[in-house]
PDB file of N, CA and C in Angstrom:
ATOM      1  N   MET A   1     112.625  24.692-133.303  1.00  0.00           N
ATOM      2  CA  MET A   1     111.624  23.850-132.692  1.00  0.00           C
ATOM      3  C   MET A   1     111.471  24.288-131.240  1.00  0.00           C
ATOM      4  N   VAL A   2     110.304  24.706-130.898  1.00  0.00           N
ATOM      5  CA  VAL A   2     110.066  25.214-129.559  1.00  0.00           C
ATOM      6  C   VAL A   2     109.264  24.181-128.762  1.00  0.00           C
ATOM      7  N   ALA A   3     109.914  23.592-127.779  1.00  0.00           N
ATOM      8  CA  ALA A   3     109.286  22.640-126.856  1.00  0.00           C
ATOM      9  C   ALA A   3     108.477  21.571-127.581  1.00  0.00           C
ATOM     10  N   VAL A   4     109.083  20.987-128.623  1.00  0.00           N
ATOM     11  CA  VAL A   4     108.365  19.958-129.362  1.00  0.00           C
ATOM     12  C   VAL A   4     109.163  18.659-129.481  1.00  0.00           C
ATOM     13  N   ILE A   5     110.482  18.742-129.584  1.00  0.00           N
ATOM     14  CA  ILE A   5     111.278  17.547-129.871  1.00  0.00           C
ATOM     15  C   ILE A   5     111.111  16.465-128.809  1.00  0.00           C
ATOM     16  N   GLU A   6     110.888  16.869-127.567  1.00  0.00           N
ATOM     17  CA  GLU A   6     110.750  15.877-126.502  1.00  0.00           C
ATOM     18  C   GLU A   6     109.448  15.070-126.625  1.00  0.00           C
ATOM     19  N   HIS A   7     108.533  15.504-127.504  1.00  0.00           N
ATOM     20  CA  HIS A   7     107.263  14.801-127.719  1.00  0.00           C
ATOM     21  C   HIS A   7     107.280  13.896-128.955  1.00  0.00           C
ATOM     22  N   ILE A   8     108.336  13.957-129.738  1.00  0.00           N
ATOM     23  CA  ILE A   8     108.405  13.237-131.010  1.00  0.00           C
ATOM     24  C   ILE A   8     109.011  11.848-130.789  1.00  0.00           C
ATOM     25  N   TRP A   9     108.313  10.833-131.243  1.00  0.00           N
ATOM     26  CA  TRP A   9     108.813   9.466-131.091  1.00  0.00           C
ATOM     27  C   TRP A   9     109.976   9.179-132.015  1.00  0.00           C
ATOM     28  N   ASN A  10     109.882   9.590-133.262  1.00  0.00           N
ATOM     29  CA  ASN A  10     110.943   9.306-134.227  1.00  0.00           C
ATOM     30  C   ASN A  10     111.784  10.564-134.449  1.00  0.00           C
ATOM     31  N   GLN A  11     112.559  10.912-133.441  1.00  0.00           N
ATOM     32  CA  GLN A  11     113.368  12.130-133.484  1.00  0.00           C
ATOM     33  C   GLN A  11     114.455  12.046-134.539  1.00  0.00           C
ATOM     34  N   LYS A  12     114.995  10.864-134.760  1.00  0.00           N
ATOM     35  CA  LYS A  12     116.052  10.716-135.771  1.00  0.00           C
ATOM     36  C   LYS A  12     115.514  11.015-137.162  1.00  0.00           C
ATOM     37  N   PHE A  13     114.319  10.569-137.461  1.00  0.00           N
ATOM     38  CA  PHE A  13     113.707  10.873-138.758  1.00  0.00           C
ATOM     39  C   PHE A  13     113.498  12.374-138.893  1.00  0.00           C
ATOM     40  N   LEU A  14     112.965  13.004-137.862  1.00  0.00           N
ATOM     41  CA  LEU A  14     112.728  14.448-137.881  1.00  0.00           C
ATOM     42  C   LEU A  14     114.025  15.215-138.112  1.00  0.00           C
ATOM     43  N   LEU A  15     115.056  14.898-137.351  1.00  0.00           N
ATOM     44  CA  LEU A  15     116.316  15.625-137.485  1.00  0.00           C
ATOM     45  C   LEU A  15     117.013  15.334-138.800  1.00  0.00           C
ATOM     46  N   ASP A  16     116.858  14.151-139.319  1.00  0.00           N
ATOM     47  CA  ASP A  16     117.405  13.841-140.635  1.00  0.00           C
ATOM     48  C   ASP A  16     116.765  14.746-141.687  1.00  0.00           C
ATOM     49  N   GLN A  17     115.461  14.915-141.604  1.00  0.00           N
ATOM     50  CA  GLN A  17     114.740  15.774-142.551  1.00  0.00           C
ATOM     51  C   GLN A  17     115.148  17.240-142.396  1.00  0.00           C
ATOM     52  N   VAL A  18     115.229  17.699-141.163  1.00  0.00           N
ATOM     53  CA  VAL A  18     115.608  19.096-140.906  1.00  0.00           C
ATOM     54  C   VAL A  18     117.032  19.356-141.364  1.00  0.00           C
ATOM     55  N   ALA A  19     117.953  18.466-141.040  1.00  0.00           N
ATOM     56  CA  ALA A  19     119.356  18.647-141.431  1.00  0.00           C
ATOM     57  C   ALA A  19     119.503  18.680-142.950  1.00  0.00           C
ATOM     58  N   ASP A  20     118.726  17.871-143.654  1.00  0.00           N
ATOM     59  CA  ASP A  20     118.774  17.873-145.121  1.00  0.00           C
ATOM     60  C   ASP A  20     118.303  19.197-145.705  1.00  0.00           C
ATOM     61  N   MET A  21     117.368  19.851-145.036  1.00  0.00           N
ATOM     62  CA  MET A  21     116.821  21.118-145.545  1.00  0.00           C
ATOM     63  C   MET A  21     117.686  22.325-145.210  1.00  0.00           C
ATOM     64  N   LEU A  22     118.569  22.185-144.229  1.00  0.00           N
ATOM     65  CA  LEU A  22     119.406  23.328-143.833  1.00  0.00           C
ATOM     66  C   LEU A  22     120.444  23.643-144.901  1.00  0.00           C
ATOM     67  N   ASN A  23     120.627  24.918-145.151  1.00  0.00           N
ATOM     68  CA  ASN A  23     121.707  25.368-146.029  1.00  0.00           C
ATOM     69  C   ASN A  23     123.041  25.165-145.315  1.00  0.00           C
ATOM     70  N   PRO A  24     124.150  25.143-146.052  1.00  0.00           N
ATOM     71  CA  PRO A  24     125.450  25.109-145.374  1.00  0.00           C
ATOM     72  C   PRO A  24     125.542  26.282-144.382  1.00  0.00           C
ATOM     73  N   SER A  25     126.015  26.017-143.222  1.00  0.00           N
ATOM     74  CA  SER A  25     126.084  26.973-142.111  1.00  0.00           C
ATOM     75  C   SER A  25     124.702  27.379-141.617  1.00  0.00           C
ATOM     76  N   GLY A  26     123.653  26.646-142.017  1.00  0.00           N
ATOM     77  CA  GLY A  26     122.313  26.908-141.502  1.00  0.00           C
ATOM     78  C   GLY A  26     122.233  26.534-140.038  1.00  0.00           C
ATOM     79  N   ARG A  27     121.260  27.093-139.349  1.00  0.00           N
ATOM     80  CA  ARG A  27     121.130  26.844-137.914  1.00  0.00           C
ATOM     81  C   ARG A  27     119.791  26.239-137.557  1.00  0.00           C
ATOM     82  N   LEU A  28     119.823  25.358-136.589  1.00  0.00           N
ATOM     83  CA  LEU A  28     118.628  24.755-136.014  1.00  0.00           C
ATOM     84  C   LEU A  28     118.582  25.185-134.553  1.00  0.00           C
ATOM     85  N   ILE A  29     117.457  25.736-134.139  1.00  0.00           N
ATOM     86  CA  ILE A  29     117.289  26.208-132.766  1.00  0.00           C
ATOM     87  C   ILE A  29     116.225  25.355-132.096  1.00  0.00           C
ATOM     88  N   ILE A  30     116.585  24.789-130.945  1.00  0.00           N
ATOM     89  CA  ILE A  30     115.681  23.914-130.203  1.00  0.00           C
ATOM     90  C   ILE A  30     115.564  24.422-128.776  1.00  0.00           C
ATOM     91  N   THR A  31     114.341  24.502-128.273  1.00  0.00           N
ATOM     92  CA  THR A  31     114.129  24.703-126.838  1.00  0.00           C
ATOM     93  C   THR A  31     113.364  23.498-126.327  1.00  0.00           C
ATOM     94  N   THR A  32     113.658  23.138-125.104  1.00  0.00           N
ATOM     95  CA  THR A  32     113.036  21.976-124.491  1.00  0.00           C
ATOM     96  C   THR A  32     113.213  22.072-122.978  1.00  0.00           C
ATOM     97  N   PRO A  33     112.390  21.379-122.213  1.00  0.00           N
ATOM     98  CA  PRO A  33     112.629  21.373-120.766  1.00  0.00           C
ATOM     99  C   PRO A  33     113.991  20.751-120.452  1.00  0.00           C
ATOM    100  N   SER A  34     114.615  21.251-119.420  1.00  0.00           N
ATOM    101  CA  SER A  34     115.873  20.652-118.957  1.00  0.00           C
ATOM    102  C   SER A  34     115.534  19.439-118.093  1.00  0.00           C
ATOM    103  N   PRO A  35     116.515  18.589-117.824  1.00  0.00           N
ATOM    104  CA  PRO A  35     116.245  17.472-116.905  1.00  0.00           C
ATOM    105  C   PRO A  35     115.729  17.959-115.543  1.00  0.00           C
ATOM    106  N   PHE A  36     116.288  19.047-115.044  1.00  0.00           N
ATOM    107  CA  PHE A  36     115.827  19.611-113.766  1.00  0.00           C
ATOM    108  C   PHE A  36     114.373  20.072-113.873  1.00  0.00           C
ATOM    109  N   GLY A  37     114.063  20.801-114.940  1.00  0.00           N
ATOM    110  CA  GLY A  37     112.695  21.291-115.120  1.00  0.00           C
ATOM    111  C   GLY A  37     111.698  20.172-115.294  1.00  0.00           C
ATOM    112  N   ASN A  38     112.094  19.152-116.024  1.00  0.00           N
ATOM    113  CA  ASN A  38     111.187  18.033-116.284  1.00  0.00           C
ATOM    114  C   ASN A  38     111.033  17.133-115.061  1.00  0.00           C
ATOM    115  N   ASP A  39     112.149  16.716-114.484  1.00  0.00           N
ATOM    116  CA  ASP A  39     112.124  15.693-113.430  1.00  0.00           C
ATOM    117  C   ASP A  39     111.791  16.232-112.046  1.00  0.00           C
ATOM    118  N   VAL A  40     112.197  17.467-111.772  1.00  0.00           N
ATOM    119  CA  VAL A  40     112.011  18.005-110.421  1.00  0.00           C
ATOM    120  C   VAL A  40     110.858  19.009-110.377  1.00  0.00           C
ATOM    121  N   VAL A  41     111.006  20.101-111.110  1.00  0.00           N
ATOM    122  CA  VAL A  41     110.025  21.186-111.027  1.00  0.00           C
ATOM    123  C   VAL A  41     108.655  20.738-111.531  1.00  0.00           C
ATOM    124  N   HIS A  42     108.629  20.049-112.663  1.00  0.00           N
ATOM    125  CA  HIS A  42     107.339  19.629-113.198  1.00  0.00           C
ATOM    126  C   HIS A  42     106.676  18.593-112.299  1.00  0.00           C
ATOM    127  N   ALA A  43     107.450  17.703-111.718  1.00  0.00           N
ATOM    128  CA  ALA A  43     106.885  16.697-110.806  1.00  0.00           C
ATOM    129  C   ALA A  43     106.277  17.356-109.569  1.00  0.00           C
ATOM    130  N   ILE A  44     106.976  18.327-109.008  1.00  0.00           N
ATOM    131  CA  ILE A  44     106.441  19.053-107.841  1.00  0.00           C
ATOM    132  C   ILE A  44     105.193  19.830-108.239  1.00  0.00           C
ATOM    133  N   GLY A  45     105.266  20.535-109.369  1.00  0.00           N
ATOM    134  CA  GLY A  45     104.115  21.305-109.838  1.00  0.00           C
ATOM    135  C   GLY A  45     102.909  20.438-110.130  1.00  0.00           C
ATOM    136  N   ALA A  46     103.138  19.250-110.675  1.00  0.00           N
ATOM    137  CA  ALA A  46     102.024  18.328-110.949  1.00  0.00           C
ATOM    138  C   ALA A  46     101.385  17.853-109.652  1.00  0.00           C
ATOM    139  N   ASN A  47     102.201  17.582-108.650  1.00  0.00           N
ATOM    140  CA  ASN A  47     101.660  17.152-107.359  1.00  0.00           C
ATOM    141  C   ASN A  47     100.889  18.262-106.658  1.00  0.00           C
ATOM    142  N   LEU A  48     101.247  19.507-106.933  1.00  0.00           N
ATOM    143  CA  LEU A  48     100.533  20.649-106.353  1.00  0.00           C
ATOM    144  C   LEU A  48      99.325  21.060-107.194  1.00  0.00           C
ATOM    145  N   GLY A  49      99.153  20.414-108.338  1.00  0.00           N
ATOM    146  CA  GLY A  49      98.031  20.752-109.214  1.00  0.00           C
ATOM    147  C   GLY A  49      98.303  21.908-110.155  1.00  0.00           C
ATOM    148  N   LEU A  50      99.566  22.342-110.259  1.00  0.00           N
ATOM    149  CA  LEU A  50      99.908  23.451-111.145  1.00  0.00           C
ATOM    150  C   LEU A  50     100.071  23.001-112.594  1.00  0.00           C
ATOM    151  N   PHE A  51     100.473  21.752-112.800  1.00  0.00           N
ATOM    152  CA  PHE A  51     100.685  21.194-114.137  1.00  0.00           C
ATOM    153  C   PHE A  51      99.923  19.876-114.242  1.00  0.00           C
ATOM    154  N   ALA A  52      99.603  19.496-115.444  1.00  0.00           N
ATOM    155  CA  ALA A  52      98.951  18.211-115.667  1.00  0.00           C
ATOM    156  C   ALA A  52      99.934  17.079-115.389  1.00  0.00           C
ATOM    157  N   LYS A  53      99.516  16.104-114.623  1.00  0.00           N
ATOM    158  CA  LYS A  53     100.386  14.967-114.303  1.00  0.00           C
ATOM    159  C   LYS A  53     100.738  14.156-115.545  1.00  0.00           C
ATOM    160  N   LEU A  54      99.832  14.090-116.510  1.00  0.00           N
ATOM    161  CA  LEU A  54     100.084  13.306-117.707  1.00  0.00           C
ATOM    162  C   LEU A  54     101.056  13.979-118.675  1.00  0.00           C
ATOM    163  N   ALA A  55     101.297  15.263-118.504  1.00  0.00           N
ATOM    164  CA  ALA A  55     102.175  15.980-119.435  1.00  0.00           C
ATOM    165  C   ALA A  55     103.594  15.427-119.414  1.00  0.00           C
ATOM    166  N   VAL A  56     104.098  15.047-118.250  1.00  0.00           N
ATOM    167  CA  VAL A  56     105.450  14.491-118.159  1.00  0.00           C
ATOM    168  C   VAL A  56     105.516  13.164-118.909  1.00  0.00           C
ATOM    169  N   ALA A  57     104.446  12.385-118.865  1.00  0.00           N
ATOM    170  CA  ALA A  57     104.424  11.104-119.565  1.00  0.00           C
ATOM    171  C   ALA A  57     104.480  11.287-121.076  1.00  0.00           C
ATOM    172  N   ASP A  58     104.117  12.459-121.569  1.00  0.00           N
ATOM    173  CA  ASP A  58     104.180  12.751-123.008  1.00  0.00           C
ATOM    174  C   ASP A  58     105.604  12.982-123.496  1.00  0.00           C
ATOM    175  N   HIS A  59     106.541  13.179-122.591  1.00  0.00           N
ATOM    176  CA  HIS A  59     107.924  13.445-122.973  1.00  0.00           C
ATOM    177  C   HIS A  59     108.642  12.134-123.259  1.00  0.00           C
ATOM    178  N   VAL A  60     109.085  11.974-124.489  1.00  0.00           N
ATOM    179  CA  VAL A  60     109.753  10.749-124.924  1.00  0.00           C
ATOM    180  C   VAL A  60     111.207  10.756-124.460  1.00  0.00           C
ATOM    181  N   VAL A  61     111.894  11.864-124.686  1.00  0.00           N
ATOM    182  CA  VAL A  61     113.308  12.002-124.315  1.00  0.00           C
ATOM    183  C   VAL A  61     113.533  13.414-123.779  1.00  0.00           C
ATOM    184  N   ILE A  62     114.283  13.498-122.701  1.00  0.00           N
ATOM    185  CA  ILE A  62     114.711  14.799-122.186  1.00  0.00           C
ATOM    186  C   ILE A  62     116.216  14.879-122.380  1.00  0.00           C
ATOM    187  N   TYR A  63     116.646  15.916-123.065  1.00  0.00           N
ATOM    188  CA  TYR A  63     118.058  16.083-123.406  1.00  0.00           C
ATOM    189  C   TYR A  63     118.788  16.890-122.351  1.00  0.00           C
ATOM    190  N   ASN A  64     120.094  16.727-122.331  1.00  0.00           N
ATOM    191  CA  ASN A  64     121.002  17.614-121.615  1.00  0.00           C
ATOM    192  C   ASN A  64     122.083  18.006-122.625  1.00  0.00           C
ATOM    193  N   ARG A  65     123.050  18.786-122.207  1.00  0.00           N
ATOM    194  CA  ARG A  65     124.075  19.264-123.147  1.00  0.00           C
ATOM    195  C   ARG A  65     124.794  18.110-123.854  1.00  0.00           C
ATOM    196  N   ARG A  66     125.180  17.111-123.111  1.00  0.00           N
ATOM    197  CA  ARG A  66     125.916  15.979-123.697  1.00  0.00           C
ATOM    198  C   ARG A  66     125.073  15.240-124.728  1.00  0.00           C
ATOM    199  N   ARG A  67     123.828  15.006-124.405  1.00  0.00           N
ATOM    200  CA  ARG A  67     122.948  14.305-125.347  1.00  0.00           C
ATOM    201  C   ARG A  67     122.671  15.139-126.592  1.00  0.00           C
ATOM    202  N   PHE A  68     122.584  16.459-126.436  1.00  0.00           N
ATOM    203  CA  PHE A  68     122.423  17.332-127.606  1.00  0.00           C
ATOM    204  C   PHE A  68     123.643  17.220-128.532  1.00  0.00           C
ATOM    205  N   LYS A  69     124.844  17.203-127.947  1.00  0.00           N
ATOM    206  CA  LYS A  69     126.059  17.068-128.761  1.00  0.00           C
ATOM    207  C   LYS A  69     126.064  15.759-129.538  1.00  0.00           C
ATOM    208  N   ILE A  70     125.733  14.682-128.867  1.00  0.00           N
ATOM    209  CA  ILE A  70     125.693  13.369-129.519  1.00  0.00           C
ATOM    210  C   ILE A  70     124.655  13.367-130.630  1.00  0.00           C
ATOM    211  N   LEU A  71     123.482  13.887-130.345  1.00  0.00           N
ATOM    212  CA  LEU A  71     122.420  13.937-131.345  1.00  0.00           C
ATOM    213  C   LEU A  71     122.851  14.756-132.555  1.00  0.00           C
ATOM    214  N   GLY A  72     123.408  15.913-132.317  1.00  0.00           N
ATOM    215  CA  GLY A  72     123.843  16.773-133.408  1.00  0.00           C
ATOM    216  C   GLY A  72     124.892  16.119-134.290  1.00  0.00           C
ATOM    217  N   ASN A  73     125.852  15.462-133.687  1.00  0.00           N
ATOM    218  CA  ASN A  73     126.920  14.821-134.458  1.00  0.00           C
ATOM    219  C   ASN A  73     126.392  13.767-135.424  1.00  0.00           C
ATOM    220  N   GLN A  74     125.305  13.125-135.067  1.00  0.00           N
ATOM    221  CA  GLN A  74     124.715  12.111-135.948  1.00  0.00           C
ATOM    222  C   GLN A  74     124.214  12.709-137.258  1.00  0.00           C
ATOM    223  N   PHE A  75     123.922  14.017-137.243  1.00  0.00           N
ATOM    224  CA  PHE A  75     123.321  14.665-138.410  1.00  0.00           C
ATOM    225  C   PHE A  75     124.178  15.814-138.940  1.00  0.00           C
ATOM    226  N   HIS A  76     125.462  15.790-138.632  1.00  0.00           N
ATOM    227  CA  HIS A  76     126.403  16.829-139.068  1.00  0.00           C
ATOM    228  C   HIS A  76     125.965  18.212-138.600  1.00  0.00           C
ATOM    229  N   LEU A  77     125.518  18.255-137.354  1.00  0.00           N
ATOM    230  CA  LEU A  77     125.128  19.509-136.721  1.00  0.00           C
ATOM    231  C   LEU A  77     126.003  19.710-135.493  1.00  0.00           C
ATOM    232  N   LYS A  78     126.670  20.844-135.442  1.00  0.00           N
ATOM    233  CA  LYS A  78     127.535  21.142-134.294  1.00  0.00           C
ATOM    234  C   LYS A  78     126.778  22.006-133.301  1.00  0.00           C
ATOM    235  N   LEU A  79     126.836  21.631-132.035  1.00  0.00           N
ATOM    236  CA  LEU A  79     126.205  22.427-130.986  1.00  0.00           C
ATOM    237  C   LEU A  79     127.032  23.696-130.787  1.00  0.00           C
ATOM    238  N   LYS A  80     126.498  24.828-131.232  1.00  0.00           N
ATOM    239  CA  LYS A  80     127.219  26.104-131.171  1.00  0.00           C
ATOM    240  C   LYS A  80     126.912  26.884-129.900  1.00  0.00           C
ATOM    241  N   LEU A  81     125.716  26.697-129.360  1.00  0.00           N
ATOM    242  CA  LEU A  81     125.314  27.438-128.162  1.00  0.00           C
ATOM    243  C   LEU A  81     124.390  26.564-127.332  1.00  0.00           C
ATOM    244  N   TYR A  82     124.627  26.564-126.041  1.00  0.00           N
ATOM    245  CA  TYR A  82     123.748  25.846-125.115  1.00  0.00           C
ATOM    246  C   TYR A  82     123.557  26.720-123.889  1.00  0.00           C
ATOM    247  N   LYS A  83     122.303  26.971-123.537  1.00  0.00           N
ATOM    248  CA  LYS A  83     121.994  27.779-122.346  1.00  0.00           C
ATOM    249  C   LYS A  83     120.766  27.210-121.663  1.00  0.00           C
ATOM    250  N   ARG A  84     120.749  27.354-120.361  1.00  0.00           N
ATOM    251  CA  ARG A  84     119.537  27.064-119.599  1.00  0.00           C
ATOM    252  C   ARG A  84     118.903  28.397-119.221  1.00  0.00           C
ATOM    253  N   PHE A  85     117.575  28.417-119.159  1.00  0.00           N
ATOM    254  CA  PHE A  85     116.875  29.656-118.836  1.00  0.00           C
ATOM    255  C   PHE A  85     115.626  29.341-118.009  1.00  0.00           C
ATOM    256  N   GLN A  86     114.939  30.357-117.588  1.00  0.00           N
ATOM    257  CA  GLN A  86     113.770  30.233-116.710  1.00  0.00           C
ATOM    258  C   GLN A  86     114.113  29.393-115.486  1.00  0.00           C
ATOM    259  N   PHE A  87     115.087  29.899-114.731  1.00  0.00           N
ATOM    260  CA  PHE A  87     115.525  29.266-113.488  1.00  0.00           C
ATOM    261  C   PHE A  87     115.994  27.826-113.710  1.00  0.00           C
ATOM    262  N   PHE A  88     116.687  27.600-114.815  1.00  0.00           N
ATOM    263  CA  PHE A  88     117.273  26.309-115.182  1.00  0.00           C
ATOM    264  C   PHE A  88     116.226  25.240-115.524  1.00  0.00           C
ATOM    265  N   CYS A  89     114.979  25.643-115.723  1.00  0.00           N
ATOM    266  CA  CYS A  89     113.921  24.679-116.032  1.00  0.00           C
ATOM    267  C   CYS A  89     113.830  24.361-117.522  1.00  0.00           C
ATOM    268  N   ASN A  90     114.325  25.249-118.364  1.00  0.00           N
ATOM    269  CA  ASN A  90     114.294  25.051-119.809  1.00  0.00           C
ATOM    270  C   ASN A  90     115.692  25.254-120.371  1.00  0.00           C
ATOM    271  N   GLN A  91     115.875  24.813-121.615  1.00  0.00           N
ATOM    272  CA  GLN A  91     117.192  24.943-122.226  1.00  0.00           C
ATOM    273  C   GLN A  91     117.059  25.299-123.697  1.00  0.00           C
ATOM    274  N   LEU A  92     118.100  25.929-124.181  1.00  0.00           N
ATOM    275  CA  LEU A  92     118.201  26.347-125.568  1.00  0.00           C
ATOM    276  C   LEU A  92     119.428  25.687-126.176  1.00  0.00           C
ATOM    277  N   ALA A  93     119.250  25.081-127.347  1.00  0.00           N
ATOM    278  CA  ALA A  93     120.366  24.475-128.071  1.00  0.00           C
ATOM    279  C   ALA A  93     120.355  25.041-129.494  1.00  0.00           C
ATOM    280  N   VAL A  94     121.472  25.601-129.917  1.00  0.00           N
ATOM    281  CA  VAL A  94     121.605  26.131-131.265  1.00  0.00           C
ATOM    282  C   VAL A  94     122.665  25.303-131.982  1.00  0.00           C
ATOM    283  N   PHE A  95     122.248  24.687-133.079  1.00  0.00           N
ATOM    284  CA  PHE A  95     123.130  23.850-133.885  1.00  0.00           C
ATOM    285  C   PHE A  95     123.435  24.547-135.189  1.00  0.00           C
ATOM    286  N   GLU A  96     124.628  24.287-135.715  1.00  0.00           N
ATOM    287  CA  GLU A  96     125.017  24.781-137.035  1.00  0.00           C
ATOM    288  C   GLU A  96     125.424  23.606-137.892  1.00  0.00           C
ATOM    289  N   LYS A  97     124.971  23.617-139.125  1.00  0.00           N
ATOM    290  CA  LYS A  97     125.282  22.523-140.035  1.00  0.00           C
ATOM    291  C   LYS A  97     126.740  22.597-140.468  1.00  0.00           C
ATOM    292  N   PHE A  98     127.399  21.454-140.476  1.00  0.00           N
ATOM    293  CA  PHE A  98     128.760  21.388-141.007  1.00  0.00           C
ATOM    294  C   PHE A  98     128.836  20.190-141.953  1.00  0.00           C
ATOM    295  N   GLU A  99     129.773  20.242-142.850  1.00  0.00           N
ATOM    296  CA  GLU A  99     129.909  19.161-143.848  1.00  0.00           C
ATOM    297  C   GLU A  99     131.066  18.274-143.493  1.00  0.00           C
TER     298      GLU A  99
END
């Protein structure tokens, strides 16, 4: 999922469906804005006219590493890799299904 989960209202339903479809040891890859990218960089960019001001309001939840771990555990997904990229404005989370 590339920069989409933060826009989904019923994330638990989505992840429940995705986790059910994953094969054993299957992987789920998510990219999303980081808290820094969402709260700081995007706010400054919106004030400068570089980004739409309403785009931040479209974000339902912004995750960090801890929240990704909690979310994954609810669906038997282990956070195997977590990285921030693009000057810490975005993040990558790779989950692996476990039984």
